[in-house]
Amino acid sequence: MAAMMKEYQTVTNIEGPLVFVGRVENVGYNEIVEVKLPSGEKRKGQVLETSKGLAVVQVFGPTTGLDIEKTKVKFLGDTMKLGVSEDMLGRVFSGLGEPIDKGAPIVPEKRLDIIGAAINPVARSKPVDFIQTGISTIDGLNTLVRGQKLPIFSAAGLPHNEVAVQIARQAKVRAKGENFAVVFAAVGITHEEANFFMKDFERTGALERSVLFLNLADDPSVERLITPRMALTTAEYLAFEKNMHVLVIITDMTNYCEALREIAGARKEVPGRRGYPGYMYTDLSTIYERAGVIKGKKGSVTQFPILSMPSDDITHPIPDLTGYITEGQIVVSRELHRKGIYPPIDVLPCLSRLMNLGIGKEKTREDHRGVADQLYAAYATGRDLRSLSAIVGEEALGETDRKYLKFADEFEKRFIRQGKGEDRSIEKTLDLGWEMFSMLPEAELKRVKKEHIEKYGGKFRKE
């Protein structure tokens, strides 16, 4: 180990967050580095690339003050590790895993490599347990299942942060006696957003069962690549060693991808789509694929990554690649936000690919699938007729069509819209769906079973 901890004073070049060190020996990929400035100050770094005696080191922190001739670089012969403990619950950390809440340092039970690994497909267990977020558009129509990775596609100026803290506050596993925790990673956020998250978690008491990692916008961009991995390492420890069900919320993955592009540019790599590196798909998968349920383990890791789509473009490489790796998406709509509807979740482009595994009798309720299909179909019809009536006028529509038109308006006002502190149970969400169906003729309810109409819908129908 002593041979590995050799100190070099052979810096050949400094570009952005990268330091190029020449004439090095026995240096490994991802190895941790200590960079000593001429002033005596020390900064941490990590080996990004090594070949033919040259190492490329990314420095965690600003590279101002570095001097090619006087800067010393020590290779520590170890990868980046995070000291983990159950005491992390209720604490707030920086993007590099250092406590920033004025609390005592964490005494680690273990030190884990933050790179981790995707769960082996053979070791995966099928996700089947429903997680209730208390938000009707998610629970009712795009159900989240334990072990799933379900991203939120948002855009600049939309209230995705409010939705994130509401989910963090309200999410629960319905089975009794289950340990539930939230790991919240904020990547590249402003001081104002950081204060919002911390105050909301403290005010509502959600902090007690949460671990927060905050990487601020004025922190070095290279730290953004570390923060999600710190959060996931903590989540895996709590889930698979402490038998907890952990919900990981990462916001904003767009800031993570921008940092990835910046580092790739500094390394003079050949750019891929829109300047992002060609390996961005692989890199994102090393984050998203760390969600899941492992056979023989009681705990689980469920992911809710949030990303703001540049220029509201769902075909942009970040949402596009995220959609390929994850199991669906929740889409936040600018149009609904303009109407003053919160949460402005547009259910039509949303999808939860694992929904069917977590709903039905003894999980949510026997009528869940039918209610979801019928609500989706009726709202889609109403939206189409809204476009048509804008051309031909509402008077030209038939009586049933006008009912669908009214249904679409009421669906947005009563089903989609709910208070920021309103925590709806799945039963309340499904009952609200049946209440909405009372606006339509019974003959139009083709996606729900007849016995369910009598059992659940009867009380909402006027005789």
Protein backbone atom coordinates (compact mmCIF):
# COMPACT_ATOMS: atom_id res chain seq x y z
CA MET A 1 0.00 0.00 0.00
CA ALA A 2 2.90 2.34 0.77
CA ALA A 3 4.15 1.93 -2.79
CA MET A 4 0.72 2.91 -4.06
CA MET A 5 0.66 6.12 -2.00
CA LYS A 6 3.47 7.65 -4.03
CA GLU A 7 3.49 11.43 -4.38
CA TYR A 8 4.04 13.02 -7.78
CA GLN A 9 5.00 16.56 -8.76
CA THR A 10 4.57 15.94 -12.49
CA VAL A 11 1.39 17.87 -13.34
CA THR A 12 1.57 18.54 -17.09
CA ASN A 13 -1.70 20.38 -17.69
CA ILE A 14 -4.81 21.77 -15.95
CA GLU A 15 -8.10 22.09 -17.88
CA GLY A 16 -11.27 23.04 -16.01
CA PRO A 17 -11.76 20.47 -13.21
CA LEU A 18 -9.17 18.11 -14.74
CA VAL A 19 -5.53 17.75 -13.77
CA PHE A 20 -3.21 15.75 -16.06
CA VAL A 21 -0.34 13.98 -14.23
CA GLY A 22 2.59 12.49 -16.16
CA ARG A 23 5.11 9.70 -15.45
CA VAL A 24 2.81 7.77 -13.08
CA GLU A 25 2.95 4.05 -12.26
CA ASN A 26 0.43 1.49 -10.96
CA VAL A 27 -2.52 3.90 -10.91
CA GLY A 28 -6.06 2.47 -11.09
CA TYR A 29 -9.32 3.77 -12.55
CA ASN A 30 -11.54 5.54 -9.94
CA GLU A 31 -8.62 5.68 -7.48
CA ILE A 32 -8.85 8.49 -4.94
CA VAL A 33 -6.24 11.23 -5.13
CA GLU A 34 -5.05 13.92 -2.73
CA VAL A 35 -4.08 17.14 -4.53
CA LYS A 36 -1.79 19.40 -2.48
CA LEU A 37 -1.77 23.06 -3.51
CA PRO A 38 1.35 25.25 -3.21
CA SER A 39 -0.40 26.96 -0.26
CA GLY A 40 -0.54 23.63 1.59
CA GLU A 41 -4.33 23.26 1.12
CA LYS A 42 -5.48 19.73 0.21
CA ARG A 43 -8.28 18.76 -2.17
CA LYS A 44 -9.68 15.38 -3.08
CA GLY A 45 -9.86 14.03 -6.59
CA GLN A 46 -10.53 10.84 -8.52
CA VAL A 47 -8.73 9.14 -11.43
CA LEU A 48 -10.90 9.33 -14.55
CA GLU A 49 -8.49 7.76 -16.98
CA THR A 50 -5.04 6.23 -17.01
CA SER A 51 -2.84 5.10 -19.89
CA LYS A 52 0.87 4.97 -20.81
CA GLY A 53 2.08 6.69 -17.67
CA LEU A 54 -0.49 9.53 -17.81
CA ALA A 55 -3.36 9.92 -15.33
CA VAL A 56 -6.35 12.23 -15.75
CA VAL A 57 -7.63 13.35 -12.33
CA GLN A 58 -10.93 15.15 -11.73
CA VAL A 59 -10.67 17.45 -8.72
CA PHE A 60 -13.60 17.79 -6.29
CA GLY A 61 -13.47 21.51 -5.76
CA PRO A 62 -12.22 24.53 -7.69
CA THR A 63 -8.90 24.21 -9.53
CA THR A 64 -8.00 27.87 -8.88
CA GLY A 65 -4.67 28.17 -7.09
CA LEU A 66 -3.25 25.03 -8.72
CA ASP A 67 0.21 25.51 -10.17
CA ILE A 68 1.66 23.11 -12.77
CA GLU A 69 5.15 23.22 -11.24
CA LYS A 70 4.39 23.23 -7.51
CA THR A 71 1.19 21.16 -7.19
CA LYS A 72 1.72 17.70 -5.68
CA VAL A 73 -0.56 14.73 -6.37
CA LYS A 74 -0.72 11.68 -4.10
CA PHE A 75 -2.49 8.52 -5.30
CA LEU A 76 -4.08 6.82 -2.29
CA GLY A 77 -4.57 3.34 -3.80
CA ASP A 78 -8.26 3.19 -2.82
CA THR A 79 -11.62 4.02 -4.42
CA MET A 80 -14.09 6.62 -3.11
CA LYS A 81 -15.95 5.27 -0.10
CA LEU A 82 -18.79 6.53 2.08
CA GLY A 83 -18.97 5.77 5.79
CA VAL A 84 -22.54 4.56 6.43
CA SER A 85 -24.59 4.08 9.57
CA GLU A 86 -28.24 4.06 10.63
CA ASP A 87 -27.45 7.35 12.41
CA MET A 88 -27.54 9.02 8.96
CA LEU A 89 -31.36 9.11 9.21
CA GLY A 90 -32.50 12.61 10.11
CA ARG A 91 -29.24 14.18 8.89
CA VAL A 92 -28.26 16.54 6.05
CA PHE A 93 -25.02 16.07 4.07
CA SER A 94 -23.16 17.90 1.34
CA GLY A 95 -22.89 16.39 -2.15
CA LEU A 96 -19.62 14.76 -1.05
CA GLY A 97 -21.18 13.13 2.03
CA GLU A 98 -19.96 15.57 4.71
CA PRO A 99 -22.47 16.63 7.45
CA ILE A 100 -23.71 20.22 6.90
CA ASP A 101 -26.44 20.34 9.57
CA LYS A 102 -24.12 21.31 12.47
CA GLY A 103 -24.61 17.80 13.90
CA ALA A 104 -21.90 15.44 15.14
CA PRO A 105 -19.79 13.52 12.59
CA ILE A 106 -21.18 10.10 11.65
CA VAL A 107 -19.41 7.13 13.25
CA PRO A 108 -19.55 4.64 10.36
CA GLU A 109 -20.52 1.00 10.79
CA LYS A 110 -19.06 0.31 7.35
CA ARG A 111 -17.24 2.08 4.54
CA LEU A 112 -18.82 1.27 1.18
CA ASP A 113 -17.59 1.92 -2.36
CA ILE A 114 -19.92 4.58 -3.83
CA ILE A 115 -19.69 3.24 -7.39
CA GLY A 116 -21.68 0.18 -6.33
CA ALA A 117 -23.06 -2.10 -9.00
CA ALA A 118 -26.28 -2.69 -10.87
CA ILE A 119 -28.31 -5.51 -9.33
CA ASN A 120 -27.64 -8.84 -11.07
CA PRO A 121 -30.82 -9.71 -13.05
CA VAL A 122 -30.68 -13.29 -11.70
CA ALA A 123 -30.70 -11.99 -8.11
CA ARG A 124 -33.65 -9.66 -8.73
CA SER A 125 -37.03 -10.45 -7.28
CA LYS A 126 -40.20 -9.32 -9.09
CA PRO A 127 -41.49 -5.96 -7.72
CA VAL A 128 -45.08 -6.55 -6.54
CA ASP A 129 -45.77 -4.24 -3.57
CA PHE A 130 -47.76 -1.02 -3.92
CA ILE A 131 -46.26 2.26 -2.60
CA GLN A 132 -48.89 4.89 -1.79
CA THR A 133 -47.72 8.44 -2.58
CA GLY A 134 -51.04 10.09 -1.67
CA ILE A 135 -51.19 11.71 -5.13
CA SER A 136 -54.19 10.47 -7.15
CA THR A 137 -52.65 10.81 -10.63
CA ILE A 138 -49.76 8.55 -9.55
CA ASP A 139 -51.54 6.07 -7.24
CA GLY A 140 -54.65 5.71 -9.38
CA LEU A 141 -53.33 5.78 -12.94
CA ASN A 142 -49.53 5.30 -12.81
CA THR A 143 -49.01 3.23 -9.70
CA LEU A 144 -45.55 3.09 -8.13
CA VAL A 145 -44.36 -0.38 -7.13
CA ARG A 146 -41.66 -1.16 -4.58
CA GLY A 147 -38.33 -1.65 -6.37
CA GLN A 148 -39.39 0.35 -9.44
CA LYS A 149 -37.56 3.26 -11.07
CA LEU A 150 -40.16 5.81 -12.19
CA PRO A 151 -38.85 9.21 -13.35
CA ILE A 152 -40.70 12.56 -13.31
CA PHE A 153 -40.26 14.51 -16.56
CA SER A 154 -40.66 18.20 -15.80
CA ALA A 155 -39.40 21.51 -17.22
CA ALA A 156 -38.01 24.84 -16.03
CA GLY A 157 -40.46 26.84 -13.91
CA LEU A 158 -42.74 23.89 -13.10
CA PRO A 159 -43.35 22.79 -9.49
CA HIS A 160 -41.46 19.47 -9.61
CA ASN A 161 -39.66 20.31 -6.35
CA GLU A 162 -43.01 20.71 -4.57
CA VAL A 163 -44.18 17.37 -6.02
CA ALA A 164 -40.89 15.77 -4.89
CA VAL A 165 -41.21 16.90 -1.26
CA GLN A 166 -44.89 15.93 -1.20
CA ILE A 167 -43.99 12.40 -2.35
CA ALA A 168 -41.11 12.25 0.17
CA ARG A 169 -43.47 13.36 2.93
CA GLN A 170 -46.44 11.14 2.08
CA ALA A 171 -44.96 7.97 0.57
CA LYS A 172 -45.69 4.85 2.59
CA VAL A 173 -45.79 1.09 2.32
CA ARG A 174 -49.25 -0.02 3.41
CA ALA A 175 -48.15 -3.23 5.15
CA LYS A 176 -47.93 -2.76 8.92
CA GLY A 177 -44.59 -2.94 10.71
CA GLU A 178 -42.53 -2.11 7.62
CA ASN A 179 -39.55 0.20 8.05
CA PHE A 180 -39.70 2.98 5.46
CA ALA A 181 -37.06 5.65 4.72
CA VAL A 182 -36.45 8.38 2.14
CA VAL A 183 -33.03 9.25 0.71
CA PHE A 184 -33.23 12.64 -1.01
CA ALA A 185 -30.42 13.81 -3.30
CA ALA A 186 -30.53 17.35 -4.70
CA VAL A 187 -28.06 17.89 -7.56
CA GLY A 188 -27.00 21.40 -8.66
CA ILE A 189 -29.78 23.25 -6.82
CA THR A 190 -29.81 26.92 -5.73
CA HIS A 191 -29.45 28.03 -2.09
CA GLU A 192 -33.12 29.04 -2.19
CA GLU A 193 -34.16 25.53 -3.27
CA ALA A 194 -31.89 23.97 -0.62
CA ASN A 195 -33.56 26.10 2.09
CA PHE A 196 -36.99 25.09 0.75
CA PHE A 197 -36.14 21.37 0.96
CA MET A 198 -34.59 21.58 4.43
CA LYS A 199 -37.38 23.71 5.90
CA ASP A 200 -40.11 21.49 4.43
CA PHE A 201 -38.49 18.29 5.72
CA GLU A 202 -38.01 19.82 9.18
CA ARG A 203 -41.47 21.43 9.36
CA THR A 204 -43.35 18.25 8.46
CA GLY A 205 -41.21 15.88 10.51
CA ALA A 206 -40.27 13.93 7.37
CA LEU A 207 -36.57 14.54 8.17
CA GLU A 208 -36.69 11.95 10.98
CA ARG A 209 -36.90 9.10 8.47
CA SER A 210 -34.88 10.79 5.72
CA VAL A 211 -31.26 11.29 4.64
CA LEU A 212 -30.59 14.47 2.60
CA PHE A 213 -27.65 15.05 0.25
CA LEU A 214 -27.47 18.63 -1.07
CA ASN A 215 -25.15 19.60 -3.95
CA LEU A 216 -25.53 23.34 -4.58
CA ALA A 217 -25.29 25.18 -7.90
CA ASP A 218 -22.12 27.00 -6.77
CA ASP A 219 -20.41 23.74 -5.78
CA PRO A 220 -17.98 22.39 -8.39
CA SER A 221 -19.90 20.66 -11.17
CA VAL A 222 -17.77 17.53 -10.83
CA GLU A 223 -19.40 16.92 -7.42
CA ARG A 224 -22.72 16.41 -9.23
CA LEU A 225 -21.39 13.09 -10.53
CA ILE A 226 -20.78 11.92 -6.96
CA THR A 227 -24.00 13.03 -5.18
CA PRO A 228 -26.48 10.50 -6.70
CA ARG A 229 -24.00 7.69 -6.01
CA MET A 230 -23.60 8.80 -2.38
CA ALA A 231 -27.41 8.70 -2.02
CA LEU A 232 -27.75 5.26 -3.64
CA THR A 233 -24.93 3.78 -1.54
CA THR A 234 -26.78 4.98 1.59
CA ALA A 235 -30.07 3.59 0.23
CA GLU A 236 -28.57 0.17 -0.55
CA TYR A 237 -27.08 -0.04 2.94
CA LEU A 238 -30.41 0.84 4.64
CA ALA A 239 -32.35 -1.50 2.32
CA PHE A 240 -30.22 -4.60 2.06
CA GLU A 241 -28.42 -4.53 5.42
CA LYS A 242 -31.03 -2.84 7.66
CA ASN A 243 -34.15 -4.33 5.97
CA MET A 244 -35.74 -0.94 5.20
CA HIS A 245 -37.86 0.01 2.21
CA VAL A 246 -36.09 3.05 0.78
CA LEU A 247 -37.47 5.61 -1.67
CA VAL A 248 -34.67 7.51 -3.43
CA ILE A 249 -35.60 10.90 -4.93
CA ILE A 250 -32.94 12.54 -7.12
CA THR A 251 -33.51 16.04 -8.46
CA ASP A 252 -32.40 17.27 -11.00
CA MET A 253 -30.81 14.62 -13.28
CA THR A 254 -30.46 17.27 -16.01
CA ASN A 255 -27.82 19.02 -13.86
CA TYR A 256 -26.04 15.67 -13.52
CA CYS A 257 -25.98 15.18 -17.32
CA GLU A 258 -24.74 18.76 -17.87
CA ALA A 259 -21.81 18.02 -15.54
CA LEU A 260 -21.14 14.82 -17.48
CA ARG A 261 -21.04 16.85 -20.72
CA GLU A 262 -18.73 19.44 -19.16
CA ILE A 263 -16.22 16.78 -18.01
CA ALA A 264 -16.38 15.04 -21.41
CA GLY A 265 -15.64 18.39 -23.10
CA ALA A 266 -12.66 19.02 -20.82
CA ARG A 267 -11.33 15.57 -21.74
CA LYS A 268 -11.71 16.50 -25.44
CA GLU A 269 -13.92 13.50 -26.12
CA VAL A 270 -15.82 13.16 -29.38
CA PRO A 271 -19.33 14.46 -28.56
CA GLY A 272 -22.48 12.47 -29.21
CA ARG A 273 -26.07 13.78 -29.55
CA ARG A 274 -26.29 17.51 -28.71
CA GLY A 275 -22.76 17.48 -27.28
CA TYR A 276 -23.45 14.86 -24.60
CA PRO A 277 -20.94 12.00 -24.37
CA GLY A 278 -21.74 8.83 -26.31
CA TYR A 279 -21.58 6.79 -23.10
CA MET A 280 -24.30 8.82 -21.32
CA TYR A 281 -26.79 5.92 -21.68
CA THR A 282 -24.35 3.56 -19.93
CA ASP A 283 -23.55 6.13 -17.27
CA LEU A 284 -27.23 6.79 -16.48
CA SER A 285 -27.91 3.06 -16.32
CA THR A 286 -25.25 2.70 -13.55
CA ILE A 287 -27.49 5.00 -11.48
CA TYR A 288 -30.99 3.83 -12.44
CA GLU A 289 -30.23 0.09 -12.34
CA ARG A 290 -29.34 0.31 -8.65
CA ALA A 291 -33.08 0.20 -7.86
CA GLY A 292 -34.82 -3.07 -7.18
CA VAL A 293 -35.68 -5.94 -4.87
CA ILE A 294 -33.16 -8.73 -4.21
CA LYS A 295 -34.22 -12.34 -3.59
CA GLY A 296 -33.81 -13.31 0.04
CA LYS A 297 -33.51 -9.68 1.21
CA LYS A 298 -36.38 -7.99 3.02
CA GLY A 299 -35.57 -4.39 2.00
CA SER A 300 -35.96 -2.62 -1.36
CA VAL A 301 -34.70 0.45 -3.23
CA THR A 302 -37.27 2.41 -5.26
CA GLN A 303 -36.18 5.38 -7.38
CA PHE A 304 -37.96 8.60 -8.30
CA PRO A 305 -35.44 10.54 -10.44
CA ILE A 306 -36.63 14.01 -11.51
CA LEU A 307 -35.36 15.79 -14.60
CA SER A 308 -36.28 19.09 -16.23
CA MET A 309 -36.54 18.65 -20.00
CA PRO A 310 -34.53 21.37 -21.81
CA SER A 311 -36.94 23.49 -23.93
CA ASP A 312 -39.83 21.19 -22.79
CA ASP A 313 -38.53 18.65 -25.34
CA ILE A 314 -39.36 15.04 -24.41
CA THR A 315 -37.16 13.82 -27.32
CA HIS A 316 -34.07 15.53 -25.81
CA PRO A 317 -31.28 12.96 -25.08
CA ILE A 318 -31.70 13.20 -21.27
CA PRO A 319 -35.44 12.25 -21.05
CA ASP A 320 -35.07 10.01 -24.12
CA LEU A 321 -32.30 7.83 -22.63
CA THR A 322 -33.90 7.92 -19.17
CA GLY A 323 -37.14 6.59 -20.68
CA TYR A 324 -35.28 3.64 -22.23
CA ILE A 325 -33.69 2.58 -18.92
CA THR A 326 -36.53 3.25 -16.46
CA GLU A 327 -39.99 1.67 -16.11
CA GLY A 328 -42.25 4.47 -17.31
CA GLN A 329 -42.51 8.21 -16.66
CA ILE A 330 -44.63 10.83 -14.88
CA VAL A 331 -44.98 13.95 -17.06
CA VAL A 332 -45.52 17.41 -15.53
CA SER A 333 -47.55 19.65 -17.88
CA ARG A 334 -47.01 23.36 -18.51
CA GLU A 335 -50.60 23.68 -19.79
CA LEU A 336 -52.10 22.38 -16.52
CA HIS A 337 -49.70 24.57 -14.54
CA ARG A 338 -50.94 27.62 -16.48
CA LYS A 339 -54.50 26.70 -15.48
CA GLY A 340 -53.41 26.83 -11.82
CA ILE A 341 -53.81 23.07 -11.31
CA TYR A 342 -51.46 21.41 -8.79
CA PRO A 343 -49.90 18.87 -9.16
CA PRO A 344 -49.88 19.58 -12.93
CA ILE A 345 -49.42 15.92 -13.93
CA ASP A 346 -50.70 15.16 -17.44
CA VAL A 347 -51.87 11.54 -17.20
CA LEU A 348 -52.05 10.89 -20.98
CA PRO A 349 -48.29 10.69 -21.74
CA CYS A 350 -47.61 9.09 -18.31
CA LEU A 351 -46.88 5.40 -17.92
CA SER A 352 -45.95 2.97 -15.17
CA ARG A 353 -44.80 -0.28 -16.77
CA LEU A 354 -44.96 -2.24 -13.49
CA MET A 355 -48.39 -0.96 -12.44
CA ASN A 356 -50.19 -4.28 -13.04
CA LEU A 357 -47.81 -6.09 -10.67
CA GLY A 358 -48.75 -3.89 -7.71
CA ILE A 359 -52.52 -3.42 -7.99
CA GLY A 360 -55.67 -5.50 -7.61
CA LYS A 361 -57.33 -7.47 -4.85
CA GLU A 362 -55.41 -7.56 -1.55
CA LYS A 363 -52.86 -5.03 -2.91
CA THR A 364 -54.99 -1.97 -3.67
CA ARG A 365 -58.57 -2.89 -4.64
CA GLU A 366 -60.16 -5.30 -7.11
CA ASP A 367 -61.64 -2.50 -9.27
CA HIS A 368 -58.31 -0.59 -9.65
CA ARG A 369 -57.35 -1.71 -13.17
CA GLY A 370 -60.83 -1.06 -14.60
CA VAL A 371 -61.13 2.37 -12.93
CA ALA A 372 -57.71 3.42 -14.23
CA ASP A 373 -58.50 2.30 -17.81
CA GLN A 374 -61.92 3.95 -17.79
CA LEU A 375 -60.61 7.26 -16.38
CA TYR A 376 -57.81 7.33 -18.95
CA ALA A 377 -60.17 6.56 -21.86
CA ALA A 378 -62.83 9.08 -20.77
CA TYR A 379 -60.27 11.88 -20.20
CA ALA A 380 -58.60 11.16 -23.58
CA THR A 381 -62.00 11.33 -25.30
CA GLY A 382 -62.85 14.59 -23.50
CA ARG A 383 -59.49 16.12 -24.51
CA ASP A 384 -60.05 15.16 -28.17
CA LEU A 385 -63.54 16.67 -28.08
CA ARG A 386 -62.12 19.84 -26.52
CA SER A 387 -59.99 20.32 -29.64
CA LEU A 388 -62.97 19.52 -31.88
CA SER A 389 -65.33 21.92 -30.08
CA ALA A 390 -62.77 24.72 -30.50
CA ILE A 391 -63.32 24.32 -34.28
CA VAL A 392 -67.03 23.42 -34.65
CA GLY A 393 -68.38 24.90 -31.42
CA GLU A 394 -69.85 23.04 -28.44
CA GLU A 395 -73.39 23.34 -29.83
CA ALA A 396 -72.47 21.06 -32.73
CA LEU A 397 -71.62 18.19 -30.36
CA GLY A 398 -74.07 15.49 -29.31
CA GLU A 399 -75.34 15.13 -25.73
CA THR A 400 -72.88 12.32 -24.82
CA ASP A 401 -69.98 14.24 -26.33
CA ARG A 402 -70.86 17.27 -24.21
CA LYS A 403 -70.80 15.04 -21.13
CA TYR A 404 -67.30 13.87 -22.04
CA LEU A 405 -66.27 17.50 -22.51
CA LYS A 406 -67.56 18.35 -19.03
CA PHE A 407 -65.88 15.17 -17.69
CA ALA A 408 -62.44 16.34 -18.92
CA ASP A 409 -62.87 19.71 -17.14
CA GLU A 410 -64.07 18.13 -13.88
CA PHE A 411 -61.34 15.47 -14.03
CA GLU A 412 -58.69 18.22 -14.07
CA LYS A 413 -60.41 20.25 -11.35
CA ARG A 414 -61.25 17.43 -8.94
CA PHE A 415 -59.13 14.36 -9.67
CA ILE A 416 -55.81 15.83 -10.83
CA ARG A 417 -55.95 18.91 -8.59
CA GLN A 418 -55.24 18.38 -4.91
CA GLY A 419 -53.66 20.36 -2.09
CA LYS A 420 -49.91 20.35 -1.44
CA GLY A 421 -50.61 18.83 1.95
CA GLU A 422 -53.46 16.57 0.82
CA ASP A 423 -52.64 12.90 1.32
CA ARG A 424 -55.29 10.77 -0.45
CA SER A 425 -55.56 7.07 0.31
CA ILE A 426 -55.91 4.72 -2.67
CA GLU A 427 -59.52 4.02 -1.60
CA LYS A 428 -60.32 7.74 -1.71
CA THR A 429 -58.68 8.03 -5.14
CA LEU A 430 -60.68 5.11 -6.56
CA ASP A 431 -63.94 6.38 -5.00
CA LEU A 432 -63.24 9.77 -6.59
CA GLY A 433 -62.93 7.94 -9.92
CA TRP A 434 -66.36 6.34 -9.44
CA GLU A 435 -67.78 9.75 -8.51
CA MET A 436 -66.40 11.08 -11.82
CA PHE A 437 -68.06 8.20 -13.73
CA SER A 438 -71.49 9.30 -12.46
CA MET A 439 -71.21 12.17 -15.00
CA LEU A 440 -71.31 9.66 -17.87
CA PRO A 441 -74.12 7.34 -19.06
CA GLU A 442 -73.66 3.82 -17.64
CA ALA A 443 -73.56 2.43 -21.21
CA GLU A 444 -70.28 4.35 -21.74
CA LEU A 445 -68.52 2.55 -18.87
CA LYS A 446 -67.15 -0.25 -21.03
CA ARG A 447 -63.83 -0.79 -19.22
CA VAL A 448 -65.16 -1.52 -15.74
CA LYS A 449 -66.89 -4.76 -14.72
CA LYS A 450 -70.64 -4.70 -14.21
CA GLU A 451 -70.37 -6.09 -10.69
CA HIS A 452 -67.90 -3.32 -9.80
CA ILE A 453 -70.34 -0.67 -11.11
CA GLU A 454 -72.98 -2.03 -8.71
CA LYS A 455 -70.55 -2.50 -5.79
CA TYR A 456 -68.57 0.75 -5.95
CA GLY A 457 -70.35 3.08 -8.36
CA GLY A 458 -73.95 2.69 -7.20
CA LYS A 459 -73.73 5.15 -4.31
CA PHE A 460 -72.56 7.95 -6.64
CA ARG A 461 -75.27 7.47 -9.30
CA LYS A 462 -78.43 9.59 -9.05
CA GLU A 463 -81.56 7.55 -9.41
